[in-house]
Amino acid sequence: LYVVAAAIASASGIVAAAVAGASNPRIARGDRVFAARALRVALAAVTLLHLFLAALTPWLLDVLFGEEFGDATSMAWILLVGGVPLAGATILANALISAGRPALSAWGEVIALSITIPGLALLLPRYGGDGAAIVSLPAYSANFVFLLLRSRRIFQCPLSWFLLPRPGDVRWTMRLLKFRRGGTERSA
């Protein structure tokens, strides 16, 4: 059941990986503000995607895997919530690596692991897959918060620049998508 729930919740991993990969060259060239914009746009997109998936989860589980997998719904919902900070951590880890700070990415993973191991020992026997999903949420969140606070210092941007969408972000995203589809307009 957990694997099926994780499959539903992993859809945003594609978004996070794409944003991280596309951001790396600009960040490596020293575009510090781009890391903040990439994160906030991606977090907004992942949040919307996860809300949509959460609404469809019971139906998706039934259609894709069969009604006997309906018990994975609660796990999928928990993992969808946890997927937002996981996407943020993925993007920031890659941004920090591109900025020449790979050790911070590793430390974020160590923090997540230090929560995951005892958390699983405590919750897995009693709550099964739901317990595993519950443990993922604070582990992903702690990694994200650690990387976010480090990114704020390294990229010298306020936290609001990383987290709060701005009016120009929608126009920027649309221009970027138009360019990626073969349009002639370049984005900044």
C-alpha atoms as a PDB file:
ATOM      1  CA  LEU A   1       0.000   0.000   0.000  1.00  0.00           C
ATOM      2  CA  TYR A   2       2.820   2.382   0.853  1.00  0.00           C
ATOM      3  CA  VAL A   3       4.464   1.940  -2.543  1.00  0.00           C
ATOM      4  CA  VAL A   4       1.188   2.762  -4.282  1.00  0.00           C
ATOM      5  CA  ALA A   5       0.705   5.846  -2.096  1.00  0.00           C
ATOM      6  CA  ALA A   6       4.266   6.938  -2.802  1.00  0.00           C
ATOM      7  CA  ALA A   7       3.666   6.513  -6.531  1.00  0.00           C
ATOM      8  CA  ILE A   8       0.772   8.977  -6.389  1.00  0.00           C
ATOM      9  CA  ALA A   9       2.752  11.460  -4.299  1.00  0.00           C
ATOM     10  CA  SER A  10       5.910  11.234  -6.400  1.00  0.00           C
ATOM     11  CA  ALA A  11       4.448  13.099  -9.375  1.00  0.00           C
ATOM     12  CA  SER A  12       5.931  16.376  -8.174  1.00  0.00           C
ATOM     13  CA  GLY A  13       9.392  14.858  -8.184  1.00  0.00           C
ATOM     14  CA  ILE A  14       9.386  15.420 -11.932  1.00  0.00           C
ATOM     15  CA  VAL A  15       8.658  19.122 -11.427  1.00  0.00           C
ATOM     16  CA  ALA A  16      11.345  19.500  -8.755  1.00  0.00           C
ATOM     17  CA  ALA A  17      13.968  17.660 -10.791  1.00  0.00           C
ATOM     18  CA  ALA A  18      13.186  19.695 -13.909  1.00  0.00           C
ATOM     19  CA  VAL A  19      13.376  23.007 -12.053  1.00  0.00           C
ATOM     20  CA  ALA A  20      16.571  21.996 -10.268  1.00  0.00           C
ATOM     21  CA  GLY A  21      18.245  20.877 -13.482  1.00  0.00           C
ATOM     22  CA  ALA A  22      17.204  23.948 -15.425  1.00  0.00           C
ATOM     23  CA  SER A  23      18.305  26.268 -12.599  1.00  0.00           C
ATOM     24  CA  ASN A  24      21.763  24.833 -12.045  1.00  0.00           C
ATOM     25  CA  PRO A  25      23.614  26.638 -14.868  1.00  0.00           C
ATOM     26  CA  ARG A  26      22.271  30.076 -13.933  1.00  0.00           C
ATOM     27  CA  ILE A  27      23.007  29.566 -10.258  1.00  0.00           C
ATOM     28  CA  ALA A  28      26.502  28.266 -11.050  1.00  0.00           C
ATOM     29  CA  ARG A  29      27.089  31.477 -13.048  1.00  0.00           C
ATOM     30  CA  GLY A  30      26.239  33.491  -9.922  1.00  0.00           C
ATOM     31  CA  ASP A  31      22.579  34.401 -10.493  1.00  0.00           C
ATOM     32  CA  ARG A  32      21.676  34.361  -6.814  1.00  0.00           C
ATOM     33  CA  VAL A  33      18.156  35.759  -7.164  1.00  0.00           C
ATOM     34  CA  PHE A  34      17.236  33.015  -9.636  1.00  0.00           C
ATOM     35  CA  ALA A  35      17.463  30.370  -6.905  1.00  0.00           C
ATOM     36  CA  ALA A  36      14.780  32.175  -4.901  1.00  0.00           C
ATOM     37  CA  ARG A  37      12.485  32.659  -7.895  1.00  0.00           C
ATOM     38  CA  ALA A  38      12.874  29.068  -9.067  1.00  0.00           C
ATOM     39  CA  LEU A  39      12.008  27.786  -5.603  1.00  0.00           C
ATOM     40  CA  ARG A  40       8.925  29.927  -5.045  1.00  0.00           C
ATOM     41  CA  VAL A  41       7.516  29.234  -8.521  1.00  0.00           C
ATOM     42  CA  ALA A  42       8.159  25.507  -8.160  1.00  0.00           C
ATOM     43  CA  LEU A  43       6.643  25.386  -4.666  1.00  0.00           C
ATOM     44  CA  ALA A  44       3.514  27.116  -5.931  1.00  0.00           C
ATOM     45  CA  ALA A  45       3.257  24.666  -8.851  1.00  0.00           C
ATOM     46  CA  VAL A  46       3.864  21.630  -6.623  1.00  0.00           C
ATOM     47  CA  THR A  47       1.327  22.823  -4.063  1.00  0.00           C
ATOM     48  CA  LEU A  48      -1.342  23.236  -6.759  1.00  0.00           C
ATOM     49  CA  LEU A  49      -0.462  19.866  -8.279  1.00  0.00           C
ATOM     50  CA  HIS A  50      -0.668  18.170  -4.889  1.00  0.00           C
ATOM     51  CA  LEU A  51      -4.019  19.739  -4.068  1.00  0.00           C
ATOM     52  CA  PHE A  52      -5.328  18.451  -7.405  1.00  0.00           C
ATOM     53  CA  LEU A  53      -3.857  14.983  -6.793  1.00  0.00           C
ATOM     54  CA  ALA A  54      -5.232  14.900  -3.250  1.00  0.00           C
ATOM     55  CA  ALA A  55      -8.724  15.519  -4.569  1.00  0.00           C
ATOM     56  CA  LEU A  56      -8.303  12.739  -7.131  1.00  0.00           C
ATOM     57  CA  THR A  57      -6.406  10.245  -4.963  1.00  0.00           C
ATOM     58  CA  PRO A  58      -9.308   7.928  -4.049  1.00  0.00           C
ATOM     59  CA  TRP A  59     -10.393   7.752  -7.685  1.00  0.00           C
ATOM     60  CA  LEU A  60      -6.811   7.372  -8.998  1.00  0.00           C
ATOM     61  CA  LEU A  61      -6.063   4.544  -6.599  1.00  0.00           C
ATOM     62  CA  ASP A  62      -9.209   2.731  -7.676  1.00  0.00           C
ATOM     63  CA  VAL A  63      -8.670   3.236 -11.411  1.00  0.00           C
ATOM     64  CA  LEU A  64      -4.906   2.685 -11.533  1.00  0.00           C
ATOM     65  CA  PHE A  65      -4.473  -0.023  -8.913  1.00  0.00           C
ATOM     66  CA  GLY A  66      -7.901  -1.411  -8.032  1.00  0.00           C
ATOM     67  CA  GLU A  67     -10.317  -0.900  -5.175  1.00  0.00           C
ATOM     68  CA  GLU A  68      -8.283  -3.148  -2.870  1.00  0.00           C
ATOM     69  CA  PHE A  69      -5.742  -0.296  -2.702  1.00  0.00           C
ATOM     70  CA  GLY A  70      -8.220   2.196  -1.257  1.00  0.00           C
ATOM     71  CA  ASP A  71      -6.507   1.874   2.133  1.00  0.00           C
ATOM     72  CA  ALA A  72      -3.512   3.696   0.639  1.00  0.00           C
ATOM     73  CA  THR A  73      -5.524   6.933   0.467  1.00  0.00           C
ATOM     74  CA  SER A  74      -4.490   8.295   3.861  1.00  0.00           C
ATOM     75  CA  MET A  75      -0.840   7.452   3.203  1.00  0.00           C
ATOM     76  CA  ALA A  76      -0.999   9.186  -0.178  1.00  0.00           C
ATOM     77  CA  TRP A  77      -2.530  12.306   1.374  1.00  0.00           C
ATOM     78  CA  ILE A  78       0.185  12.476   4.038  1.00  0.00           C
ATOM     79  CA  LEU A  79       2.900  11.959   1.421  1.00  0.00           C
ATOM     80  CA  LEU A  80       1.359  14.647  -0.792  1.00  0.00           C
ATOM     81  CA  VAL A  81       1.678  17.116   2.087  1.00  0.00           C
ATOM     82  CA  GLY A  82       5.256  15.987   2.688  1.00  0.00           C
ATOM     83  CA  GLY A  83       6.015  16.217  -1.011  1.00  0.00           C
ATOM     84  CA  VAL A  84       5.936  20.012  -0.905  1.00  0.00           C
ATOM     85  CA  PRO A  85       8.931  20.382   1.432  1.00  0.00           C
ATOM     86  CA  LEU A  86      10.592  17.443  -0.332  1.00  0.00           C
ATOM     87  CA  ALA A  87      10.359  19.320  -3.642  1.00  0.00           C
ATOM     88  CA  GLY A  88      11.730  22.431  -1.959  1.00  0.00           C
ATOM     89  CA  ALA A  89      14.633  20.482  -0.488  1.00  0.00           C
ATOM     90  CA  THR A  90      15.391  18.933  -3.885  1.00  0.00           C
ATOM     91  CA  ILE A  91      15.540  22.330  -5.562  1.00  0.00           C
ATOM     92  CA  LEU A  92      17.587  23.971  -2.816  1.00  0.00           C
ATOM     93  CA  ALA A  93      20.015  21.059  -2.536  1.00  0.00           C
ATOM     94  CA  ASN A  94      20.776  21.354  -6.246  1.00  0.00           C
ATOM     95  CA  ALA A  95      21.000  25.145  -6.017  1.00  0.00           C
ATOM     96  CA  LEU A  96      23.504  24.904  -3.176  1.00  0.00           C
ATOM     97  CA  ILE A  97      25.549  22.311  -5.050  1.00  0.00           C
ATOM     98  CA  SER A  98      25.587  24.639  -8.070  1.00  0.00           C
ATOM     99  CA  ALA A  99      26.698  27.479  -5.799  1.00  0.00           C
ATOM    100  CA  GLY A 100      29.668  25.398  -4.658  1.00  0.00           C
ATOM    101  CA  ARG A 101      28.227  24.274  -1.315  1.00  0.00           C
ATOM    102  CA  PRO A 102      27.580  20.511  -1.746  1.00  0.00           C
ATOM    103  CA  ALA A 103      28.199  19.665   1.912  1.00  0.00           C
ATOM    104  CA  LEU A 104      25.034  21.515   2.897  1.00  0.00           C
ATOM    105  CA  SER A 105      22.968  19.161   0.771  1.00  0.00           C
ATOM    106  CA  ALA A 106      24.530  16.205   2.557  1.00  0.00           C
ATOM    107  CA  TRP A 107      23.882  17.756   5.969  1.00  0.00           C
ATOM    108  CA  GLY A 108      20.230  18.249   5.065  1.00  0.00           C
ATOM    109  CA  GLU A 109      19.983  14.546   4.261  1.00  0.00           C
ATOM    110  CA  VAL A 110      21.679  13.659   7.561  1.00  0.00           C
ATOM    111  CA  ILE A 111      19.092  15.745   9.404  1.00  0.00           C
ATOM    112  CA  ALA A 112      16.260  13.984   7.561  1.00  0.00           C
ATOM    113  CA  LEU A 113      17.786  10.598   8.285  1.00  0.00           C
ATOM    114  CA  SER A 114      18.176  11.425  11.980  1.00  0.00           C
ATOM    115  CA  ILE A 115      14.420  11.941  12.108  1.00  0.00           C
ATOM    116  CA  THR A 116      13.480   9.048   9.835  1.00  0.00           C
ATOM    117  CA  ILE A 117      15.297   6.218  11.641  1.00  0.00           C
ATOM    118  CA  PRO A 118      13.939   6.777  15.158  1.00  0.00           C
ATOM    119  CA  GLY A 119      10.589   7.882  13.743  1.00  0.00           C
ATOM    120  CA  LEU A 120      10.163   4.634  11.857  1.00  0.00           C
ATOM    121  CA  ALA A 121      11.210   2.634  14.918  1.00  0.00           C
ATOM    122  CA  LEU A 122       8.489   4.374  16.931  1.00  0.00           C
ATOM    123  CA  LEU A 123       5.620   4.633  14.453  1.00  0.00           C
ATOM    124  CA  LEU A 124       6.001   1.799  11.959  1.00  0.00           C
ATOM    125  CA  PRO A 125       5.146  -1.083  14.332  1.00  0.00           C
ATOM    126  CA  ARG A 126       1.970   0.588  15.551  1.00  0.00           C
ATOM    127  CA  TYR A 127       0.738   2.496  12.491  1.00  0.00           C
ATOM    128  CA  GLY A 128       2.281   0.655   9.548  1.00  0.00           C
ATOM    129  CA  GLY A 129       2.334   2.583   6.285  1.00  0.00           C
ATOM    130  CA  ASP A 130       0.554   5.580   7.780  1.00  0.00           C
ATOM    131  CA  GLY A 131       3.316   5.751  10.393  1.00  0.00           C
ATOM    132  CA  ALA A 132       5.969   5.672   7.690  1.00  0.00           C
ATOM    133  CA  ALA A 133       4.206   8.461   5.811  1.00  0.00           C
ATOM    134  CA  ILE A 134       3.850  10.521   8.989  1.00  0.00           C
ATOM    135  CA  VAL A 135       7.598  10.219   9.671  1.00  0.00           C
ATOM    136  CA  SER A 136       8.366  11.473   6.171  1.00  0.00           C
ATOM    137  CA  LEU A 137       6.651  14.797   6.784  1.00  0.00           C
ATOM    138  CA  PRO A 138       8.924  16.091   9.592  1.00  0.00           C
ATOM    139  CA  ALA A 139      11.996  14.543   7.964  1.00  0.00           C
ATOM    140  CA  TYR A 140      11.364  16.286   4.632  1.00  0.00           C
ATOM    141  CA  SER A 141      10.379  19.492   6.417  1.00  0.00           C
ATOM    142  CA  ALA A 142      13.506  19.591   8.592  1.00  0.00           C
ATOM    143  CA  ASN A 143      15.732  19.080   5.548  1.00  0.00           C
ATOM    144  CA  PHE A 144      13.886  21.829   3.676  1.00  0.00           C
ATOM    145  CA  VAL A 145      14.042  24.308   6.570  1.00  0.00           C
ATOM    146  CA  PHE A 146      17.755  23.659   7.077  1.00  0.00           C
ATOM    147  CA  LEU A 147      18.489  24.183   3.371  1.00  0.00           C
ATOM    148  CA  LEU A 148      16.204  27.216   3.214  1.00  0.00           C
ATOM    149  CA  LEU A 149      17.951  28.945   6.111  1.00  0.00           C
ATOM    150  CA  ARG A 150      21.366  28.201   4.612  1.00  0.00           C
ATOM    151  CA  SER A 151      20.198  29.364   1.188  1.00  0.00           C
ATOM    152  CA  ARG A 152      18.988  32.632   2.630  1.00  0.00           C
ATOM    153  CA  ARG A 153      22.523  33.378   3.808  1.00  0.00           C
ATOM    154  CA  ILE A 154      24.360  32.063   0.765  1.00  0.00           C
ATOM    155  CA  PHE A 155      22.118  33.641  -1.863  1.00  0.00           C
ATOM    156  CA  GLN A 156      21.625  36.770   0.278  1.00  0.00           C
ATOM    157  CA  CYS A 157      17.874  36.921  -0.241  1.00  0.00           C
ATOM    158  CA  PRO A 158      15.150  37.345   2.367  1.00  0.00           C
ATOM    159  CA  LEU A 159      13.028  34.284   3.178  1.00  0.00           C
ATOM    160  CA  SER A 160      10.013  35.932   1.562  1.00  0.00           C
ATOM    161  CA  TRP A 161      11.817  35.876  -1.790  1.00  0.00           C
ATOM    162  CA  PHE A 162      12.095  32.095  -1.531  1.00  0.00           C
ATOM    163  CA  LEU A 163       8.568  31.411  -0.320  1.00  0.00           C
ATOM    164  CA  LEU A 164       6.044  34.052  -1.367  1.00  0.00           C
ATOM    165  CA  PRO A 165       4.951  34.167  -5.010  1.00  0.00           C
ATOM    166  CA  ARG A 166       5.108  37.597  -6.610  1.00  0.00           C
ATOM    167  CA  PRO A 167       2.860  39.073  -9.286  1.00  0.00           C
ATOM    168  CA  GLY A 168       5.590  38.912 -11.921  1.00  0.00           C
ATOM    169  CA  ASP A 169       6.171  35.190 -11.350  1.00  0.00           C
ATOM    170  CA  VAL A 170       3.154  34.149 -13.395  1.00  0.00           C
ATOM    171  CA  ARG A 171       4.226  36.278 -16.369  1.00  0.00           C
ATOM    172  CA  TRP A 172       7.804  35.030 -16.005  1.00  0.00           C
ATOM    173  CA  THR A 173       6.646  31.404 -15.941  1.00  0.00           C
ATOM    174  CA  MET A 174       4.435  31.892 -18.990  1.00  0.00           C
ATOM    175  CA  ARG A 175       7.306  33.517 -20.924  1.00  0.00           C
ATOM    176  CA  LEU A 176       9.606  30.686 -19.873  1.00  0.00           C
ATOM    177  CA  LEU A 177       7.110  28.038 -20.983  1.00  0.00           C
ATOM    178  CA  LYS A 178       6.556  29.832 -24.283  1.00  0.00           C
ATOM    179  CA  PHE A 179      10.317  29.918 -24.890  1.00  0.00           C
ATOM    180  CA  ARG A 180      10.707  26.233 -23.979  1.00  0.00           C
ATOM    181  CA  ARG A 181       7.954  25.263 -26.443  1.00  0.00           C
ATOM    182  CA  GLY A 182       9.870  26.894 -29.241  1.00  0.00           C
ATOM    183  CA  GLY A 183       8.829  30.535 -28.973  1.00  0.00           C
ATOM    184  CA  THR A 184      11.301  33.268 -29.771  1.00  0.00           C
ATOM    185  CA  GLU A 185      11.006  35.303 -26.585  1.00  0.00           C
ATOM    186  CA  ARG A 186      13.828  34.927 -24.106  1.00  0.00           C
ATOM    187  CA  SER A 187      13.207  35.213 -20.389  1.00  0.00           C
ATOM    188  CA  ALA A 188      15.291  36.884 -17.745  1.00  0.00           C
END
